[in-house]
């Protein structure tokens, strides 16, 4: 034995090391590796699920935003239609009011003309009556006729 090396002892230690490595590999490394792979897969699945839910939420948000824009456009259109309808109704009401006012004015003019004619005819008849009375009186007494005419004219004014 040169250098005092015992090859038998080295081989036994090497055999023990390999045996220990094999036992530890099968008893510890494989289960730990399997556990770690499951854990990595679990978190990867959670991440994929979260990304899928996020994508679904973004898609849903986009859909709602599109619906909201459509609704906003519809609201704007309805408001514009309502404004146009209000302007149209206001104009129709103004036209009706002007037409009624014109009818009232024309009736008032006709009634006013009729009343005026009635008053003028009444005044003419009264004047004719006064003149006729005055003429009769003048035929009998000229100075008394003028007094009667003036007194009756004053009485007609006071009534």
C-alpha atoms as a PDB file:
ATOM      1  CA  UNK A   1       0.000   0.000   0.000  1.00  0.00           C
ATOM      2  CA  UNK A   2       1.722   2.918  -1.129  1.00  0.00           C
ATOM      3  CA  UNK A   3       1.008   6.152   0.653  1.00  0.00           C
ATOM      4  CA  UNK A   4      -1.167   4.303   3.043  1.00  0.00           C
ATOM      5  CA  UNK A   5      -4.297   4.521   0.873  1.00  0.00           C
ATOM      6  CA  UNK A   6      -6.907   1.905   1.544  1.00  0.00           C
ATOM      7  CA  UNK A   7      -8.814   1.482  -1.665  1.00  0.00           C
ATOM      8  CA  UNK A   8     -11.352  -0.640   0.001  1.00  0.00           C
ATOM      9  CA  UNK A   9     -12.294   2.128   2.417  1.00  0.00           C
ATOM     10  CA  UNK A  10     -12.527   4.662  -0.433  1.00  0.00           C
ATOM     11  CA  UNK A  11     -14.814   2.359  -2.391  1.00  0.00           C
ATOM     12  CA  UNK A  12     -16.992   1.756   0.675  1.00  0.00           C
ATOM     13  CA  UNK A  13     -17.271   5.496   1.292  1.00  0.00           C
ATOM     14  CA  UNK A  14     -18.028   6.043  -2.370  1.00  0.00           C
ATOM     15  CA  UNK A  15     -20.665   3.280  -2.244  1.00  0.00           C
ATOM     16  CA  UNK A  16     -22.194   4.844   0.904  1.00  0.00           C
ATOM     17  CA  UNK A  17     -22.252   8.240  -0.778  1.00  0.00           C
ATOM     18  CA  UNK A  18     -23.962   6.881  -3.903  1.00  0.00           C
ATOM     19  CA  UNK A  19     -26.415   4.914  -1.772  1.00  0.00           C
ATOM     20  CA  UNK A  20     -27.162   7.981   0.370  1.00  0.00           C
ATOM     21  CA  UNK A  21     -27.551  10.109  -2.771  1.00  0.00           C
ATOM     22  CA  UNK A  22     -29.961   7.592  -4.335  1.00  0.00           C
ATOM     23  CA  UNK A  23     -32.023   7.306  -1.160  1.00  0.00           C
ATOM     24  CA  UNK A  24     -32.189  11.076  -0.712  1.00  0.00           C
ATOM     25  CA  UNK A  25     -33.011  11.535  -4.394  1.00  0.00           C
ATOM     26  CA  UNK A  26     -35.959   9.140  -4.240  1.00  0.00           C
ATOM     27  CA  UNK A  27     -37.154  10.113  -0.782  1.00  0.00           C
ATOM     28  CA  UNK A  28     -36.641  13.871  -0.813  1.00  0.00           C
ATOM     29  CA  UNK A  29     -35.796  15.344  -4.204  1.00  0.00           C
ATOM     30  CA  UNK A  30     -38.593  13.772  -6.242  1.00  0.00           C
ATOM     31  CA  UNK A  31     -41.425  14.674  -3.792  1.00  0.00           C
ATOM     32  CA  UNK A  32     -40.073  18.179  -3.274  1.00  0.00           C
ATOM     33  CA  UNK A  33     -39.660  18.631  -7.042  1.00  0.00           C
ATOM     34  CA  UNK A  34     -43.191  17.292  -7.599  1.00  0.00           C
ATOM     35  CA  UNK A  35     -44.574  19.616  -4.878  1.00  0.00           C
ATOM     36  CA  UNK A  36     -42.748  22.630  -6.377  1.00  0.00           C
ATOM     37  CA  UNK A  37     -43.991  21.787  -9.896  1.00  0.00           C
ATOM     38  CA  UNK A  38     -47.586  21.582  -8.599  1.00  0.00           C
ATOM     39  CA  UNK A  39     -47.149  24.882  -6.804  1.00  0.00           C
ATOM     40  CA  UNK A  40     -45.723  26.573  -9.911  1.00  0.00           C
ATOM     41  CA  UNK A  41     -48.611  25.171 -11.980  1.00  0.00           C
ATOM     42  CA  UNK A  42     -51.151  26.370  -9.355  1.00  0.00           C
ATOM     43  CA  UNK A  43     -49.829  29.931  -9.464  1.00  0.00           C
ATOM     44  CA  UNK A  44     -49.559  29.830 -13.258  1.00  0.00           C
ATOM     45  CA  UNK A  45     -53.213  28.721 -13.451  1.00  0.00           C
ATOM     46  CA  UNK A  46     -54.200  31.494 -11.041  1.00  0.00           C
ATOM     47  CA  UNK A  47     -52.306  34.018 -13.174  1.00  0.00           C
ATOM     48  CA  UNK A  48     -53.947  32.731 -16.377  1.00  0.00           C
ATOM     49  CA  UNK A  49     -57.373  32.856 -14.717  1.00  0.00           C
ATOM     50  CA  UNK A  50     -56.749  36.400 -13.482  1.00  0.00           C
ATOM     51  CA  UNK A  51     -55.576  37.473 -16.949  1.00  0.00           C
ATOM     52  CA  UNK A  52     -58.661  35.873 -18.514  1.00  0.00           C
ATOM     53  CA  UNK A  53     -60.956  37.639 -16.032  1.00  0.00           C
ATOM     54  CA  UNK A  54     -59.134  40.903 -16.679  1.00  0.00           C
ATOM     55  CA  UNK A  55     -59.552  40.458 -20.443  1.00  0.00           C
ATOM     56  CA  UNK A  56     -63.256  39.655 -19.942  1.00  0.00           C
ATOM     57  CA  UNK A  57     -63.648  42.733 -17.748  1.00  0.00           C
ATOM     58  CA  UNK A  58     -61.928  44.912 -20.350  1.00  0.00           C
ATOM     59  CA  UNK A  59     -64.177  43.496 -23.067  1.00  0.00           C
ATOM     60  CA  UNK A  60     -67.255  44.085 -20.913  1.00  0.00           C
ATOM     61  CA  UNK A  61     -66.073  47.617 -20.158  1.00  0.00           C
ATOM     62  CA  UNK A  62     -65.591  48.265 -23.877  1.00  0.00           C
ATOM     63  CA  UNK A  63     -69.073  46.917 -24.597  1.00  0.00           C
ATOM     64  CA  UNK A  64     -70.630  49.161 -21.945  1.00  0.00           C
ATOM     65  CA  UNK A  65     -68.720  52.177 -23.198  1.00  0.00           C
ATOM     66  CA  UNK A  66     -70.015  51.520 -26.712  1.00  0.00           C
ATOM     67  CA  UNK A  67     -73.553  51.164 -25.374  1.00  0.00           C
ATOM     68  CA  UNK A  68     -73.159  54.367 -23.382  1.00  0.00           C
ATOM     69  CA  UNK A  69     -71.953  56.253 -26.446  1.00  0.00           C
ATOM     70  CA  UNK A  70     -74.951  54.949 -28.408  1.00  0.00           C
ATOM     71  CA  UNK A  71     -77.277  55.952 -25.568  1.00  0.00           C
ATOM     72  CA  UNK A  72     -75.649  59.392 -25.377  1.00  0.00           C
ATOM     73  CA  UNK A  73     -76.200  59.831 -29.108  1.00  0.00           C
ATOM     74  CA  UNK A  74     -79.824  58.745 -28.745  1.00  0.00           C
ATOM     75  CA  UNK A  75     -80.329  61.165 -25.858  1.00  0.00           C
ATOM     76  CA  UNK A  76     -78.830  64.000 -27.901  1.00  0.00           C
ATOM     77  CA  UNK A  77     -81.080  63.110 -30.854  1.00  0.00           C
ATOM     78  CA  UNK A  78     -84.192  62.914 -28.636  1.00  0.00           C
ATOM     79  CA  UNK A  79     -83.305  66.265 -27.077  1.00  0.00           C
ATOM     80  CA  UNK A  80     -82.874  67.821 -30.507  1.00  0.00           C
ATOM     81  CA  UNK A  81     -86.203  66.354 -31.653  1.00  0.00           C
ATOM     82  CA  UNK A  82     -87.903  67.657 -28.504  1.00  0.00           C
ATOM     83  CA  UNK A  83     -86.413  71.119 -29.067  1.00  0.00           C
ATOM     84  CA  UNK A  84     -87.650  71.141 -32.661  1.00  0.00           C
ATOM     85  CA  UNK A  85     -91.099  69.972 -31.554  1.00  0.00           C
ATOM     86  CA  UNK A  86     -91.224  72.668 -28.862  1.00  0.00           C
ATOM     87  CA  UNK A  87     -90.262  75.355 -31.399  1.00  0.00           C
ATOM     88  CA  UNK A  88     -92.896  74.050 -33.832  1.00  0.00           C
ATOM     89  CA  UNK A  89     -95.624  73.979 -31.143  1.00  0.00           C
ATOM     90  CA  UNK A  90     -94.641  77.434 -29.933  1.00  0.00           C
ATOM     91  CA  UNK A  91     -94.881  78.766 -33.499  1.00  0.00           C
ATOM     92  CA  UNK A  92     -98.275  77.084 -33.993  1.00  0.00           C
ATOM     93  CA  UNK A  93     -99.528  78.595 -30.720  1.00  0.00           C
ATOM     94  CA  UNK A  94     -98.280  82.015 -31.801  1.00  0.00           C
ATOM     95  CA  UNK A  95     -99.988  81.614 -35.185  1.00  0.00           C
ATOM     96  CA  UNK A  96    -103.265  80.598 -33.515  1.00  0.00           C
ATOM     97  CA  UNK A  97    -103.030  83.513 -31.084  1.00  0.00           C
ATOM     98  CA  UNK A  98    -102.353  85.967 -33.914  1.00  0.00           C
ATOM     99  CA  UNK A  99    -105.266  84.538 -35.915  1.00  0.00           C
ATOM    100  CA  UNK A 100    -107.601  84.829 -32.912  1.00  0.00           C
ATOM    101  CA  UNK A 101    -106.368  88.354 -32.235  1.00  0.00           C
ATOM    102  CA  UNK A 102    -106.995  89.292 -35.874  1.00  0.00           C
ATOM    103  CA  UNK A 103    -110.509  87.809 -35.672  1.00  0.00           C
ATOM    104  CA  UNK A 104    -111.197  89.688 -32.429  1.00  0.00           C
ATOM    105  CA  UNK A 105    -109.934  92.934 -33.949  1.00  0.00           C
ATOM    106  CA  UNK A 106    -111.998  92.464 -37.117  1.00  0.00           C
ATOM    107  CA  UNK A 107    -115.146  91.657 -35.047  1.00  0.00           C
ATOM    108  CA  UNK A 108    -114.469  94.691 -32.873  1.00  0.00           C
ATOM    109  CA  UNK A 109    -114.122  96.844 -35.974  1.00  0.00           C
ATOM    110  CA  UNK A 110    -117.366  95.490 -37.428  1.00  0.00           C
ATOM    111  CA  UNK A 111    -119.161  95.959 -34.101  1.00  0.00           C
ATOM    112  CA  UNK A 112    -117.617  99.411 -33.730  1.00  0.00           C
ATOM    113  CA  UNK A 113    -118.740 100.393 -37.219  1.00  0.00           C
ATOM    114  CA  UNK A 114    -122.240  99.054 -36.508  1.00  0.00           C
ATOM    115  CA  UNK A 115    -122.367 100.928 -33.193  1.00  0.00           C
ATOM    116  CA  UNK A 116    -121.045 104.064 -34.876  1.00  0.00           C
ATOM    117  CA  UNK A 117    -123.664 103.803 -37.631  1.00  0.00           C
ATOM    118  CA  UNK A 118    -126.366 103.210 -35.026  1.00  0.00           C
ATOM    119  CA  UNK A 119    -125.249 106.256 -33.050  1.00  0.00           C
ATOM    120  CA  UNK A 120    -124.982 108.407 -36.189  1.00  0.00           C
ATOM    121  CA  UNK A 121    -128.406 107.239 -37.413  1.00  0.00           C
ATOM    122  CA  UNK A 122    -129.868 107.896 -33.962  1.00  0.00           C
ATOM    123  CA  UNK A 123    -128.264 111.343 -33.866  1.00  0.00           C
ATOM    124  CA  UNK A 124    -129.533 112.147 -37.348  1.00  0.00           C
ATOM    125  CA  UNK A 125    -133.041 111.003 -36.437  1.00  0.00           C
ATOM    126  CA  UNK A 126    -132.911 113.071 -33.271  1.00  0.00           C
ATOM    127  CA  UNK A 127    -131.650 116.101 -35.193  1.00  0.00           C
ATOM    128  CA  UNK A 128    -134.373 115.643 -37.786  1.00  0.00           C
ATOM    129  CA  UNK A 129    -136.930 115.386 -34.980  1.00  0.00           C
ATOM    130  CA  UNK A 130    -135.545 118.495 -33.284  1.00  0.00           C
ATOM    131  CA  UNK A 131    -135.480 120.391 -36.557  1.00  0.00           C
ATOM    132  CA  UNK A 132    -139.054 119.307 -37.293  1.00  0.00           C
ATOM    133  CA  UNK A 133    -140.195 120.464 -33.843  1.00  0.00           C
ATOM    134  CA  UNK A 134    -138.293 123.684 -34.242  1.00  0.00           C
ATOM    135  CA  UNK A 135    -139.859 124.240 -37.662  1.00  0.00           C
ATOM    136  CA  UNK A 136    -143.338 123.714 -36.273  1.00  0.00           C
ATOM    137  CA  UNK A 137    -142.645 126.094 -33.437  1.00  0.00           C
ATOM    138  CA  UNK A 138    -140.977 128.564 -35.737  1.00  0.00           C
ATOM    139  CA  UNK A 139    -144.046 128.628 -37.855  1.00  0.00           C
ATOM    140  CA  UNK A 140    -146.079 129.642 -34.831  1.00  0.00           C
ATOM    141  CA  UNK A 141    -143.489 131.652 -32.766  1.00  0.00           C
ATOM    142  CA  UNK A 142    -139.985 132.197 -34.193  1.00  0.00           C
ATOM    143  CA  UNK A 143    -138.233 133.311 -30.955  1.00  0.00           C
ATOM    144  CA  UNK A 144    -139.754 130.545 -28.815  1.00  0.00           C
ATOM    145  CA  UNK A 145    -138.789 127.952 -31.434  1.00  0.00           C
ATOM    146  CA  UNK A 146    -135.108 128.762 -31.043  1.00  0.00           C
ATOM    147  CA  UNK A 147    -135.336 128.470 -27.228  1.00  0.00           C
ATOM    148  CA  UNK A 148    -137.126 125.096 -27.450  1.00  0.00           C
ATOM    149  CA  UNK A 149    -134.579 123.828 -29.964  1.00  0.00           C
ATOM    150  CA  UNK A 150    -131.632 124.831 -27.746  1.00  0.00           C
ATOM    151  CA  UNK A 151    -133.207 123.435 -24.562  1.00  0.00           C
ATOM    152  CA  UNK A 152    -134.017 120.093 -26.220  1.00  0.00           C
ATOM    153  CA  UNK A 153    -130.512 119.930 -27.706  1.00  0.00           C
ATOM    154  CA  UNK A 154    -129.060 120.492 -24.215  1.00  0.00           C
ATOM    155  CA  UNK A 155    -131.343 117.800 -22.751  1.00  0.00           C
ATOM    156  CA  UNK A 156    -130.250 115.354 -25.446  1.00  0.00           C
ATOM    157  CA  UNK A 157    -126.610 116.069 -24.545  1.00  0.00           C
ATOM    158  CA  UNK A 158    -127.191 115.450 -20.838  1.00  0.00           C
ATOM    159  CA  UNK A 159    -128.810 112.059 -21.395  1.00  0.00           C
END
